[in-house]
Every structure is written in C-alpha cells, then in structure tokens.
PDB file of all heavy atoms in Angstrom:
ATOM      1  N   SER A   1      -9.402  -5.125  -1.512  1.00  0.00           N
ATOM      2  CA  SER A   1      -8.618  -5.950  -2.401  1.00  0.00           C
ATOM      3  C   SER A   1      -8.180  -7.208  -1.683  1.00  0.00           C
ATOM      4  O   SER A   1      -7.858  -7.187  -0.515  1.00  0.00           O
ATOM      5  CB  SER A   1      -7.418  -5.221  -2.988  1.00  0.00           C
ATOM      6  OG  SER A   1      -6.591  -6.096  -3.753  1.00  0.00           O
ATOM      7  N   ASP A   2      -8.130  -8.320  -2.413  1.00  0.00           N
ATOM      8  CA  ASP A   2      -7.650  -9.602  -1.904  1.00  0.00           C
ATOM      9  C   ASP A   2      -6.116  -9.645  -1.874  1.00  0.00           C
ATOM     10  O   ASP A   2      -5.503 -10.428  -1.171  1.00  0.00           O
ATOM     11  CB  ASP A   2      -8.180 -10.736  -2.788  1.00  0.00           C
ATOM     12  CG  ASP A   2      -7.653 -12.090  -2.416  1.00  0.00           C
ATOM     13  OD1 ASP A   2      -8.020 -12.586  -1.333  1.00  0.00           O
ATOM     14  OD2 ASP A   2      -6.906 -12.686  -3.227  1.00  0.00           O
ATOM     15  N   SER A   3      -5.487  -8.762  -2.629  1.00  0.00           N
ATOM     16  CA  SER A   3      -4.072  -8.879  -2.976  1.00  0.00           C
ATOM     17  C   SER A   3      -3.167  -8.006  -2.145  1.00  0.00           C
ATOM     18  O   SER A   3      -3.319  -6.802  -2.031  1.00  0.00           O
ATOM     19  CB  SER A   3      -3.835  -8.521  -4.431  1.00  0.00           C
ATOM     20  OG  SER A   3      -2.460  -8.345  -4.770  1.00  0.00           O
ATOM     21  N   ALA A   4      -2.154  -8.657  -1.514  1.00  0.00           N
ATOM     22  CA  ALA A   4      -1.143  -7.930  -0.751  1.00  0.00           C
ATOM     23  C   ALA A   4      -0.275  -7.096  -1.699  1.00  0.00           C
ATOM     24  O   ALA A   4       0.184  -5.960  -1.331  1.00  0.00           O
ATOM     25  CB  ALA A   4      -0.294  -8.848   0.071  1.00  0.00           C
ATOM     26  N   MET A   5      -0.024  -7.556  -2.877  1.00  0.00           N
ATOM     27  CA  MET A   5       0.749  -6.784  -3.859  1.00  0.00           C
ATOM     28  C   MET A   5       0.008  -5.556  -4.293  1.00  0.00           C
ATOM     29  O   MET A   5       0.613  -4.500  -4.479  1.00  0.00           O
ATOM     30  CB  MET A   5       1.140  -7.663  -5.073  1.00  0.00           C
ATOM     31  CG  MET A   5       2.238  -8.647  -4.769  1.00  0.00           C
ATOM     32  SD  MET A   5       2.879  -9.495  -6.218  1.00  0.00           S
ATOM     33  CE  MET A   5       1.516 -10.551  -6.634  1.00  0.00           C
ATOM     34  N   ALA A   6      -1.292  -5.671  -4.473  1.00  0.00           N
ATOM     35  CA  ALA A   6      -2.099  -4.497  -4.825  1.00  0.00           C
ATOM     36  C   ALA A   6      -2.034  -3.485  -3.714  1.00  0.00           C
ATOM     37  O   ALA A   6      -1.932  -2.288  -3.941  1.00  0.00           O
ATOM     38  CB  ALA A   6      -3.554  -4.920  -5.078  1.00  0.00           C
ATOM     39  N   GLY A   7      -2.086  -3.930  -2.441  1.00  0.00           N
ATOM     40  CA  GLY A   7      -1.996  -3.044  -1.304  1.00  0.00           C
ATOM     41  C   GLY A   7      -0.658  -2.344  -1.249  1.00  0.00           C
ATOM     42  O   GLY A   7      -0.546  -1.148  -0.927  1.00  0.00           O
ATOM     43  N   GLU A   8       0.401  -3.089  -1.601  1.00  0.00           N
ATOM     44  CA  GLU A   8       1.713  -2.467  -1.655  1.00  0.00           C
ATOM     45  C   GLU A   8       1.850  -1.446  -2.725  1.00  0.00           C
ATOM     46  O   GLU A   8       2.402  -0.333  -2.540  1.00  0.00           O
ATOM     47  CB  GLU A   8       2.788  -3.555  -1.847  1.00  0.00           C
ATOM     48  CG  GLU A   8       4.215  -3.184  -1.531  1.00  0.00           C
ATOM     49  CD  GLU A   8       5.133  -4.373  -1.561  1.00  0.00           C
ATOM     50  OE1 GLU A   8       4.913  -5.315  -0.817  1.00  0.00           O
ATOM     51  OE2 GLU A   8       6.102  -4.294  -2.359  1.00  0.00           O
ATOM     52  N   ALA A   9       1.238  -1.725  -3.900  1.00  0.00           N
ATOM     53  CA  ALA A   9       1.230  -0.793  -5.043  1.00  0.00           C
ATOM     54  C   ALA A   9       0.421   0.449  -4.648  1.00  0.00           C
ATOM     55  O   ALA A   9       0.809   1.580  -5.007  1.00  0.00           O
ATOM     56  CB  ALA A   9       0.700  -1.464  -6.272  1.00  0.00           C
ATOM     57  N   LEU A  10      -0.692   0.264  -3.980  1.00  0.00           N
ATOM     58  CA  LEU A  10      -1.515   1.380  -3.540  1.00  0.00           C
ATOM     59  C   LEU A  10      -0.711   2.393  -2.702  1.00  0.00           C
ATOM     60  O   LEU A  10      -0.729   3.574  -2.958  1.00  0.00           O
ATOM     61  CB  LEU A  10      -2.748   0.912  -2.772  1.00  0.00           C
ATOM     62  CG  LEU A  10      -3.563   1.931  -2.036  1.00  0.00           C
ATOM     63  CD1 LEU A  10      -4.322   2.800  -3.049  1.00  0.00           C
ATOM     64  CD2 LEU A  10      -4.515   1.322  -1.039  1.00  0.00           C
ATOM     65  N   LYS A  11      -0.013   1.841  -1.713  1.00  0.00           N
ATOM     66  CA  LYS A  11       0.800   2.692  -0.842  1.00  0.00           C
ATOM     67  C   LYS A  11       1.885   3.433  -1.633  1.00  0.00           C
ATOM     68  O   LYS A  11       2.087   4.675  -1.414  1.00  0.00           O
ATOM     69  CB  LYS A  11       1.457   1.871   0.278  1.00  0.00           C
ATOM     70  CG  LYS A  11       0.457   1.288   1.263  1.00  0.00           C
ATOM     71  CD  LYS A  11       1.136   0.389   2.266  1.00  0.00           C
ATOM     72  CE  LYS A  11       0.125  -0.208   3.250  1.00  0.00           C
ATOM     73  NZ  LYS A  11       0.776  -1.157   4.217  1.00  0.00           N
ATOM     74  N   LEU A  12       2.533   2.764  -2.565  1.00  0.00           N
ATOM     75  CA  LEU A  12       3.536   3.412  -3.395  1.00  0.00           C
ATOM     76  C   LEU A  12       2.916   4.565  -4.239  1.00  0.00           C
ATOM     77  O   LEU A  12       3.510   5.665  -4.344  1.00  0.00           O
ATOM     78  CB  LEU A  12       4.217   2.406  -4.303  1.00  0.00           C
ATOM     79  CG  LEU A  12       5.226   1.428  -3.694  1.00  0.00           C
ATOM     80  CD1 LEU A  12       5.617   0.397  -4.746  1.00  0.00           C
ATOM     81  CD2 LEU A  12       6.393   2.131  -3.132  1.00  0.00           C
ATOM     82  N   ASN A  13       1.793   4.261  -4.808  1.00  0.00           N
ATOM     83  CA  ASN A  13       1.198   5.235  -5.773  1.00  0.00           C
ATOM     84  C   ASN A  13       0.547   6.458  -5.108  1.00  0.00           C
ATOM     85  O   ASN A  13       0.675   7.552  -5.611  1.00  0.00           O
ATOM     86  CB  ASN A  13       0.227   4.479  -6.689  1.00  0.00           C
ATOM     87  CG  ASN A  13       0.938   3.595  -7.651  1.00  0.00           C
ATOM     88  OD1 ASN A  13       2.033   3.881  -8.083  1.00  0.00           O
ATOM     89  ND2 ASN A  13       0.309   2.448  -7.997  1.00  0.00           N
ATOM     90  N   VAL A  14      -0.105   6.243  -4.012  1.00  0.00           N
ATOM     91  CA  VAL A  14      -0.663   7.396  -3.299  1.00  0.00           C
ATOM     92  C   VAL A  14       0.475   8.298  -2.755  1.00  0.00           C
ATOM     93  O   VAL A  14       0.412   9.528  -2.750  1.00  0.00           O
ATOM     94  CB  VAL A  14      -1.671   7.020  -2.197  1.00  0.00           C
ATOM     95  CG1 VAL A  14      -2.896   6.372  -2.762  1.00  0.00           C
ATOM     96  CG2 VAL A  14      -1.012   6.158  -1.099  1.00  0.00           C
ATOM     97  N   SER A  15       1.552   7.669  -2.334  1.00  0.00           N
ATOM     98  CA  SER A  15       2.705   8.389  -1.804  1.00  0.00           C
ATOM     99  C   SER A  15       3.367   9.197  -2.939  1.00  0.00           C
ATOM    100  O   SER A  15       3.724  10.369  -2.799  1.00  0.00           O
ATOM    101  CB  SER A  15       3.666   7.489  -1.121  1.00  0.00           C
ATOM    102  OG  SER A  15       4.836   8.167  -0.705  1.00  0.00           O
ATOM    103  N   ALA A  16       3.582   8.505  -4.118  1.00  0.00           N
ATOM    104  CA  ALA A  16       4.236   9.141  -5.206  1.00  0.00           C
ATOM    105  C   ALA A  16       3.469  10.370  -5.734  1.00  0.00           C
ATOM    106  O   ALA A  16       4.026  11.304  -6.310  1.00  0.00           O
ATOM    107  CB  ALA A  16       4.463   8.180  -6.331  1.00  0.00           C
ATOM    108  N   ASN A  17       2.135  10.372  -5.553  1.00  0.00           N
ATOM    109  CA  ASN A  17       1.293  11.444  -6.082  1.00  0.00           C
ATOM    110  C   ASN A  17       0.775  12.324  -4.981  1.00  0.00           C
ATOM    111  O   ASN A  17      -0.115  13.139  -5.192  1.00  0.00           O
ATOM    112  CB  ASN A  17       0.144  10.852  -6.880  1.00  0.00           C
ATOM    113  CG  ASN A  17       0.646  10.158  -8.102  1.00  0.00           C
ATOM    114  OD1 ASN A  17       0.878  10.768  -9.134  1.00  0.00           O
ATOM    115  ND2 ASN A  17       0.807   8.848  -8.068  1.00  0.00           N
ATOM    116  N   GLN A  18       1.351  12.162  -3.745  1.00  0.00           N
ATOM    117  CA  GLN A  18       0.915  12.969  -2.620  1.00  0.00           C
ATOM    118  C   GLN A  18      -0.573  12.993  -2.428  1.00  0.00           C
ATOM    119  O   GLN A  18      -1.230  14.005  -2.161  1.00  0.00           O
ATOM    120  CB  GLN A  18       1.444  14.417  -2.735  1.00  0.00           C
ATOM    121  CG  GLN A  18       2.987  14.490  -2.783  1.00  0.00           C
ATOM    122  CD  GLN A  18       3.504  15.914  -2.908  1.00  0.00           C
ATOM    123  OE1 GLN A  18       2.935  16.709  -3.573  1.00  0.00           O
ATOM    124  NE2 GLN A  18       4.604  16.213  -2.229  1.00  0.00           N
ATOM    125  N   ALA A  19      -1.151  11.791  -2.583  1.00  0.00           N
ATOM    126  CA  ALA A  19      -2.627  11.622  -2.415  1.00  0.00           C
ATOM    127  C   ALA A  19      -2.895  10.972  -1.107  1.00  0.00           C
ATOM    128  O   ALA A  19      -2.027  10.323  -0.489  1.00  0.00           O
ATOM    129  CB  ALA A  19      -3.170  10.762  -3.611  1.00  0.00           C
ATOM    130  N   SER A  20      -4.117  11.104  -0.633  1.00  0.00           N
ATOM    131  CA  SER A  20      -4.498  10.495   0.642  1.00  0.00           C
ATOM    132  C   SER A  20      -4.794   9.038   0.422  1.00  0.00           C
ATOM    133  O   SER A  20      -5.302   8.579  -0.613  1.00  0.00           O
ATOM    134  CB  SER A  20      -5.711  11.207   1.255  1.00  0.00           C
ATOM    135  OG  SER A  20      -6.803  11.162   0.308  1.00  0.00           O
ATOM    136  N   THR A  21      -4.512   8.208   1.430  1.00  0.00           N
ATOM    137  CA  THR A  21      -4.734   6.767   1.398  1.00  0.00           C
ATOM    138  C   THR A  21      -6.223   6.485   1.735  1.00  0.00           C
ATOM    139  O   THR A  21      -6.782   7.053   2.637  1.00  0.00           O
ATOM    140  CB  THR A  21      -3.888   6.058   2.451  1.00  0.00           C
ATOM    141  OG1 THR A  21      -2.508   6.346   2.178  1.00  0.00           O
ATOM    142  CG2 THR A  21      -4.073   4.544   2.400  1.00  0.00           C
ATOM    143  N   PRO A  22      -6.851   5.659   0.914  1.00  0.00           N
ATOM    144  CA  PRO A  22      -8.272   5.335   1.142  1.00  0.00           C
ATOM    145  C   PRO A  22      -8.413   4.475   2.437  1.00  0.00           C
ATOM    146  O   PRO A  22      -7.457   3.925   2.972  1.00  0.00           O
ATOM    147  CB  PRO A  22      -8.683   4.542  -0.079  1.00  0.00           C
ATOM    148  CG  PRO A  22      -7.430   3.930  -0.554  1.00  0.00           C
ATOM    149  CD  PRO A  22      -6.340   4.939  -0.249  1.00  0.00           C
ATOM    150  N   ARG A  23      -9.620   4.381   2.893  1.00  0.00           N
ATOM    151  CA  ARG A  23      -9.948   3.468   4.045  1.00  0.00           C
ATOM    152  C   ARG A  23      -9.813   2.063   3.488  1.00  0.00           C
ATOM    153  O   ARG A  23     -10.504   1.671   2.563  1.00  0.00           O
ATOM    154  CB  ARG A  23     -11.336   3.739   4.555  1.00  0.00           C
ATOM    155  CG  ARG A  23     -11.771   2.790   5.646  1.00  0.00           C
ATOM    156  CD  ARG A  23     -13.150   3.212   6.242  1.00  0.00           C
ATOM    157  NE  ARG A  23     -13.691   2.202   7.140  1.00  0.00           N
ATOM    158  CZ  ARG A  23     -14.583   1.306   6.806  1.00  0.00           C
ATOM    159  NH1 ARG A  23     -15.044   1.240   5.589  1.00  0.00           N
ATOM    160  NH2 ARG A  23     -15.009   0.440   7.699  1.00  0.00           N
ATOM    161  N   LEU A  24      -8.997   1.239   4.154  1.00  0.00           N
ATOM    162  CA  LEU A  24      -8.710  -0.106   3.671  1.00  0.00           C
ATOM    163  C   LEU A  24      -9.725  -1.088   4.276  1.00  0.00           C
ATOM    164  O   LEU A  24      -9.951  -1.108   5.495  1.00  0.00           O
ATOM    165  CB  LEU A  24      -7.294  -0.517   4.010  1.00  0.00           C
ATOM    166  CG  LEU A  24      -6.175   0.372   3.486  1.00  0.00           C
ATOM    167  CD1 LEU A  24      -4.843  -0.199   3.889  1.00  0.00           C
ATOM    168  CD2 LEU A  24      -6.299   0.526   1.975  1.00  0.00           C
ATOM    169  N   ILE A  25     -10.271  -1.971   3.440  1.00  0.00           N
ATOM    170  CA  ILE A  25     -11.230  -2.974   3.839  1.00  0.00           C
ATOM    171  C   ILE A  25     -10.463  -4.313   3.889  1.00  0.00           C
ATOM    172  O   ILE A  25      -9.977  -4.782   2.835  1.00  0.00           O
ATOM    173  CB  ILE A  25     -12.409  -3.089   2.863  1.00  0.00           C
ATOM    174  CG1 ILE A  25     -13.104  -1.747   2.737  1.00  0.00           C
ATOM    175  CG2 ILE A  25     -13.396  -4.186   3.330  1.00  0.00           C
ATOM    176  CD1 ILE A  25     -13.772  -1.233   4.013  1.00  0.00           C
ATOM    177  N   GLU A  26     -10.324  -4.893   5.050  1.00  0.00           N
ATOM    178  CA  GLU A  26      -9.640  -6.162   5.185  1.00  0.00           C
ATOM    179  C   GLU A  26     -10.536  -7.357   5.160  1.00  0.00           C
ATOM    180  O   GLU A  26     -10.074  -8.483   4.856  1.00  0.00           O
ATOM    181  CB  GLU A  26      -8.809  -6.148   6.468  1.00  0.00           C
ATOM    182  CG  GLU A  26      -7.699  -5.105   6.447  1.00  0.00           C
ATOM    183  CD  GLU A  26      -6.734  -5.279   7.565  1.00  0.00           C
ATOM    184  OE1 GLU A  26      -6.924  -6.189   8.429  1.00  0.00           O
ATOM    185  OE2 GLU A  26      -5.732  -4.541   7.643  1.00  0.00           O
TER     186      GLU A  26
END
C-alpha cells in the first residue's frame, strides 16, 4: 500500500481480530 493511514488501519484491525500481520511491501 502507498498509504501510511492504511498501514495504521491494518495494524489496528489485525490486532483487534487476533490475526497475523501480513508481510509488508515498502
């Protein structure tokens, strides 16, 4: 993703659902 806000939302949502974080492509 190009978006820092999307990255922040990703961290919140995987944490809230006790899911694993994907491999991030920078």
